[in-house]
């Protein structure tokens, strides 16, 4: 399992500075400096993600933290995720940023875990994968959250791997594209998108290591896989699926002999988990 990335502290601080570029006007105007204790609670059942980032932020601003939980834990509604103590100015300065951060990441991790469990129940060797369909500036956080939920991170960026898509093939043949990609370097896997049985066979014969079957119906996918088997090509490639797959239909695709199912919805349509900060005194 690939280790989830460490988010630079400077990036987390930048989120706070975005929210309070000149300080917290309300708190600084009406409350004198004083210590308090507060609890951050889950208002719904969730898979926790972003806890380590939250702890690092509060610690940076001089707030003490206490928790028995870890990223990836399943948390029940009403549970305390983190207890914090320190100056109220610091706590309220970071409150919304930290809740937004953990809410978004936990929302992604929770949905990812739910869908991965659906897939595993049908095909234990298949994993879902996150895509590059992330909010600009938040990719490393969104990818980490998906990984905590159990997904393969796929590519972090265009610089990570070669993926030959229809937009490339509009200007070059698939065979030539794979040949040029191979000539450019041997240290990256080559993945090629296929929209037909013929595309998949051509990609495998040309040396692609991963074939992305895009927007295919289950019956068409099954025929494509069988065609690769008939030519003794199936074991030479990994099969990834994408396009038009939803939680309601994913079991049909997972039941096929496939290795990965990439889902943009994990990160492009995010529902934040519901969290709250409650001050005790």
Protein backbone atom coordinates (compact mmCIF):
# COMPACT_ATOMS: atom_id res chain seq x y z
CA UNK A 1 0.00 0.00 0.00
CA UNK A 2 1.36 3.43 -0.99
CA UNK A 3 1.90 5.70 1.99
CA UNK A 4 -0.32 8.79 2.07
CA UNK A 5 1.66 12.01 1.51
CA UNK A 6 2.61 14.47 4.23
CA UNK A 7 0.96 17.84 3.61
CA UNK A 8 3.45 20.74 3.97
CA UNK A 9 2.72 22.81 7.07
CA UNK A 10 3.20 25.96 5.02
CA UNK A 11 0.23 25.00 2.87
CA UNK A 12 -1.97 24.44 5.92
CA UNK A 13 -0.95 27.82 7.37
CA UNK A 14 -1.79 29.45 4.03
CA UNK A 15 -5.37 28.18 4.40
CA UNK A 16 -5.64 29.95 7.78
CA UNK A 17 -4.14 33.13 6.33
CA UNK A 18 -6.67 33.03 3.51
CA UNK A 19 -9.48 32.96 6.08
CA UNK A 20 -7.96 35.59 8.37
CA UNK A 21 -5.46 37.72 6.42
CA UNK A 22 -5.49 40.43 9.09
CA UNK A 23 -6.61 38.40 12.10
CA UNK A 24 -10.03 37.44 13.52
CA UNK A 25 -11.74 40.82 13.82
CA UNK A 26 -14.75 39.58 15.82
CA UNK A 27 -12.90 37.52 18.44
CA UNK A 28 -10.14 40.09 18.91
CA UNK A 29 -12.73 42.87 19.32
CA UNK A 30 -14.99 41.25 21.91
CA UNK A 31 -12.99 38.62 23.84
CA UNK A 32 -9.92 39.22 26.01
CA UNK A 33 -7.13 36.66 25.88
CA UNK A 34 -8.22 33.65 27.96
CA UNK A 35 -7.80 29.91 28.02
CA UNK A 36 -10.58 27.50 27.19
CA UNK A 37 -11.23 23.85 26.40
CA UNK A 38 -13.17 22.68 23.34
CA UNK A 39 -14.19 19.42 21.69
CA UNK A 40 -14.38 18.73 17.96
CA UNK A 41 -17.16 16.22 17.37
CA UNK A 42 -18.54 14.16 14.52
CA UNK A 43 -22.21 14.83 13.87
CA UNK A 44 -22.50 11.76 11.64
CA UNK A 45 -20.80 8.42 11.13
CA UNK A 46 -17.64 8.88 9.07
CA UNK A 47 -14.21 7.62 8.10
CA UNK A 48 -11.79 10.07 9.67
CA UNK A 49 -9.32 11.86 7.41
CA UNK A 50 -7.39 15.09 7.95
CA UNK A 51 -6.88 14.56 11.68
CA UNK A 52 -3.09 14.73 11.40
CA UNK A 53 -3.34 18.03 9.50
CA UNK A 54 -5.73 19.43 12.09
CA UNK A 55 -3.43 18.47 14.96
CA UNK A 56 -0.41 20.04 13.23
CA UNK A 57 -2.30 23.28 12.66
CA UNK A 58 -3.49 23.64 16.24
CA UNK A 59 -0.04 22.73 17.55
CA UNK A 60 1.59 25.35 15.33
CA UNK A 61 -0.65 28.03 16.83
CA UNK A 62 0.13 26.94 20.40
CA UNK A 63 -3.03 24.93 21.08
CA UNK A 64 -2.72 21.61 22.92
CA UNK A 65 -4.47 18.58 21.44
CA UNK A 66 -5.63 15.23 22.79
CA UNK A 67 -7.11 12.30 20.88
CA UNK A 68 -7.11 8.50 20.77
CA UNK A 69 -8.11 8.37 17.09
CA UNK A 70 -6.14 8.08 13.84
CA UNK A 71 -6.81 8.86 10.20
CA UNK A 72 -8.73 5.96 8.69
CA UNK A 73 -10.68 5.16 11.85
CA UNK A 74 -14.42 4.65 11.66
CA UNK A 75 -16.10 7.24 13.89
CA UNK A 76 -19.65 7.14 15.22
CA UNK A 77 -21.98 10.12 15.27
CA UNK A 78 -21.58 12.13 18.46
CA UNK A 79 -18.01 10.96 19.09
CA UNK A 80 -15.30 13.41 20.11
CA UNK A 81 -12.56 13.47 17.52
CA UNK A 82 -10.22 15.90 19.21
CA UNK A 83 -10.08 17.80 22.50
CA UNK A 84 -8.17 21.06 22.39
CA UNK A 85 -7.07 23.58 25.02
CA UNK A 86 -5.40 26.94 24.75
CA UNK A 87 -6.00 30.61 24.03
CA UNK A 88 -9.48 31.23 22.67
CA UNK A 89 -8.10 33.59 20.03
CA UNK A 90 -5.99 30.83 18.53
CA UNK A 91 -8.75 28.23 18.76
CA UNK A 92 -11.34 30.40 17.01
CA UNK A 93 -8.80 31.59 14.46
CA UNK A 94 -8.30 28.01 13.26
CA UNK A 95 -11.82 26.67 13.91
CA UNK A 96 -13.40 27.05 10.46
CA UNK A 97 -10.27 26.14 8.50
CA UNK A 98 -9.76 22.95 10.50
CA UNK A 99 -13.42 21.93 10.29
CA UNK A 100 -13.47 22.58 6.54
CA UNK A 101 -10.29 20.58 6.10
CA UNK A 102 -11.35 17.53 8.10
CA UNK A 103 -14.92 17.76 6.84
CA UNK A 104 -13.86 17.65 3.19
CA UNK A 105 -11.22 14.97 3.65
CA UNK A 106 -13.48 12.79 5.81
CA UNK A 107 -16.29 13.19 3.29
CA UNK A 108 -14.02 11.89 0.53
CA UNK A 109 -12.61 9.08 2.69
CA UNK A 110 -16.07 7.98 3.82
CA UNK A 111 -17.49 7.75 0.32
CA UNK A 112 -14.36 6.06 -0.95
CA UNK A 113 -14.50 3.41 1.78
CA UNK A 114 -18.17 2.72 1.07
CA UNK A 115 -17.58 2.22 -2.66
CA UNK A 116 -14.40 0.19 -2.18
CA UNK A 117 -16.30 -2.15 0.12
CA UNK A 118 -18.94 -2.61 -2.59
CA UNK A 119 -16.22 -3.53 -5.07
CA UNK A 120 -14.35 -5.82 -2.68
CA UNK A 121 -17.51 -7.77 -1.94
CA UNK A 122 -17.70 -8.69 -5.64
CA UNK A 123 -14.04 -8.70 -6.68
CA UNK A 124 -11.46 -8.69 -3.84
CA UNK A 125 -8.55 -8.08 -6.24
CA UNK A 126 -10.04 -4.92 -7.77
CA UNK A 127 -9.41 -1.44 -6.36
CA UNK A 128 -11.05 1.85 -7.14
CA UNK A 129 -8.79 4.76 -8.11
CA UNK A 130 -9.01 8.51 -7.63
CA UNK A 131 -8.45 10.74 -10.68
CA UNK A 132 -7.11 14.23 -11.40
CA UNK A 133 -10.65 15.65 -11.17
CA UNK A 134 -9.85 17.60 -8.03
CA UNK A 135 -10.29 21.22 -6.95
CA UNK A 136 -7.24 23.27 -8.03
CA UNK A 137 -4.92 23.70 -5.06
CA UNK A 138 -6.49 20.84 -3.09
CA UNK A 139 -5.27 17.82 -5.05
CA UNK A 140 -2.76 16.55 -2.51
CA UNK A 141 -5.44 16.73 0.21
CA UNK A 142 -8.13 15.10 -1.95
CA UNK A 143 -5.78 12.33 -3.07
CA UNK A 144 -4.65 11.67 0.50
CA UNK A 145 -8.27 11.46 1.66
CA UNK A 146 -9.10 8.97 -1.09
CA UNK A 147 -6.07 6.88 -0.13
CA UNK A 148 -7.15 6.88 3.51
CA UNK A 149 -10.52 5.60 2.30
CA UNK A 150 -8.77 2.76 0.45
CA UNK A 151 -8.40 4.02 -3.12
CA UNK A 152 -5.41 3.83 -5.42
CA UNK A 153 -4.21 7.43 -5.93
CA UNK A 154 -3.67 6.93 -9.70
CA UNK A 155 -1.69 9.85 -11.18
CA UNK A 156 -1.00 12.85 -8.97
CA UNK A 157 -0.17 14.93 -12.03
CA UNK A 158 0.54 14.85 -15.74
CA UNK A 159 4.21 14.36 -14.85
CA UNK A 160 3.71 11.03 -13.07
CA UNK A 161 2.81 8.58 -15.82
CA UNK A 162 1.95 8.27 -19.50
CA UNK A 163 -1.75 8.03 -20.33
CA UNK A 164 -2.57 8.16 -24.03
CA UNK A 165 -6.14 9.43 -24.47
CA UNK A 166 -8.51 10.15 -27.31
CA UNK A 167 -7.29 13.75 -27.41
CA UNK A 168 -3.81 12.49 -28.28
CA UNK A 169 -5.09 9.91 -30.73
CA UNK A 170 -6.89 12.59 -32.69
CA UNK A 171 -3.43 13.59 -33.92
CA UNK A 172 -1.44 10.33 -33.87
CA UNK A 173 -2.12 6.62 -34.24
CA UNK A 174 -2.25 4.53 -31.07
CA UNK A 175 0.64 2.35 -32.21
CA UNK A 176 2.85 5.34 -32.97
CA UNK A 177 1.89 7.05 -29.73
CA UNK A 178 2.92 4.01 -27.66
CA UNK A 179 6.14 3.67 -29.66
CA UNK A 180 7.08 7.31 -29.05
CA UNK A 181 6.16 7.06 -25.37
CA UNK A 182 8.40 4.01 -25.01
CA UNK A 183 11.26 5.76 -26.78
CA UNK A 184 10.93 8.79 -24.47
CA UNK A 185 11.92 6.74 -21.42
CA UNK A 186 11.61 3.32 -19.81
CA UNK A 187 10.89 4.33 -16.23
CA UNK A 188 7.18 5.13 -16.52
CA UNK A 189 4.31 2.79 -17.19
CA UNK A 190 2.36 3.39 -20.36
CA UNK A 191 -1.42 3.40 -20.19
CA UNK A 192 -3.60 3.70 -23.28
CA UNK A 193 -7.29 4.50 -23.51
CA UNK A 194 -9.37 2.13 -25.64
CA UNK A 195 -12.93 2.62 -26.83
CA UNK A 196 -13.25 -0.61 -28.80
CA UNK A 197 -12.05 -4.20 -28.87
CA UNK A 198 -9.73 -3.29 -31.77
CA UNK A 199 -8.22 -0.41 -29.76
CA UNK A 200 -7.55 -2.68 -26.79
CA UNK A 201 -5.86 -5.34 -28.92
CA UNK A 202 -3.75 -2.75 -30.73
CA UNK A 203 -2.68 -1.18 -27.43
CA UNK A 204 -1.70 -4.53 -25.92
CA UNK A 205 0.21 -5.61 -29.02
CA UNK A 206 2.03 -2.27 -29.14
CA UNK A 207 3.26 -2.71 -25.57
CA UNK A 208 0.89 -0.74 -23.34
CA UNK A 209 1.02 -2.01 -19.77
CA UNK A 210 -2.39 -0.69 -18.72
CA UNK A 211 -5.47 -0.50 -20.92
CA UNK A 212 -8.18 1.95 -19.93
CA UNK A 213 -11.56 0.81 -21.22
CA UNK A 214 -13.49 4.05 -21.33
CA UNK A 215 -17.28 4.40 -21.41
CA UNK A 216 -17.92 0.75 -22.26
CA UNK A 217 -20.96 -1.25 -21.21
CA UNK A 218 -20.28 -4.41 -19.15
CA UNK A 219 -21.09 -6.75 -22.05
CA UNK A 220 -18.64 -4.91 -24.31
CA UNK A 221 -15.96 -5.01 -21.62
CA UNK A 222 -16.41 -8.75 -21.22
CA UNK A 223 -16.02 -9.27 -24.97
CA UNK A 224 -12.89 -7.13 -24.97
CA UNK A 225 -11.31 -9.09 -22.14
CA UNK A 226 -12.16 -12.36 -23.89
CA UNK A 227 -10.58 -11.10 -27.12
CA UNK A 228 -7.38 -10.31 -25.23
CA UNK A 229 -7.43 -13.78 -23.69
CA UNK A 230 -7.91 -15.42 -27.08
CA UNK A 231 -4.73 -13.71 -28.28
CA UNK A 232 -2.84 -14.52 -25.04
CA UNK A 233 -2.59 -10.81 -24.25
CA UNK A 234 -4.71 -10.54 -21.10
CA UNK A 235 -1.95 -11.44 -18.67
CA UNK A 236 0.36 -8.84 -20.22
CA UNK A 237 -1.81 -5.88 -19.19
CA UNK A 238 -3.79 -4.41 -16.34
CA UNK A 239 -7.39 -3.50 -17.14
CA UNK A 240 -8.81 -0.23 -15.84
CA UNK A 241 -12.40 0.94 -16.32
CA UNK A 242 -13.77 4.46 -16.29
CA UNK A 243 -16.71 6.53 -17.49
CA UNK A 244 -20.36 6.40 -16.54
CA UNK A 245 -19.87 4.14 -13.53
CA UNK A 246 -21.94 4.99 -10.45
CA UNK A 247 -22.40 3.46 -6.99
CA UNK A 248 -25.62 1.90 -8.29
CA UNK A 249 -23.88 0.14 -11.19
CA UNK A 250 -20.35 -0.42 -9.93
CA UNK A 251 -21.05 -4.01 -8.81
CA UNK A 252 -21.76 -4.94 -12.45
CA UNK A 253 -18.34 -3.64 -13.52
CA UNK A 254 -16.46 -5.01 -10.51
CA UNK A 255 -17.82 -8.49 -11.28
CA UNK A 256 -15.79 -8.49 -14.49
CA UNK A 257 -12.14 -9.56 -14.58
CA UNK A 258 -10.75 -6.07 -14.09
CA UNK A 259 -7.97 -4.60 -11.96
CA UNK A 260 -8.96 -0.97 -11.39
CA UNK A 261 -12.06 1.22 -11.64
CA UNK A 262 -11.26 4.93 -11.71
CA UNK A 263 -13.94 7.27 -10.40
CA UNK A 264 -13.83 11.04 -10.79
CA UNK A 265 -16.82 11.39 -8.49
CA UNK A 266 -14.65 10.57 -5.47
CA UNK A 267 -13.16 14.05 -5.62
CA UNK A 268 -15.08 16.20 -8.12
CA UNK A 269 -18.40 15.99 -6.26
CA UNK A 270 -17.61 16.15 -2.57
CA UNK A 271 -20.06 16.11 0.31
CA UNK A 272 -18.34 17.33 3.46
CA UNK A 273 -18.74 15.25 6.59
CA UNK A 274 -20.57 17.14 9.34
CA UNK A 275 -18.37 18.23 12.25
CA UNK A 276 -18.63 20.81 15.01
CA UNK A 277 -16.47 22.58 17.57
CA UNK A 278 -18.06 22.98 21.00
CA UNK A 279 -16.42 25.12 23.70
CA UNK A 280 -16.82 23.71 27.21
CA UNK A 281 -15.58 26.73 29.17
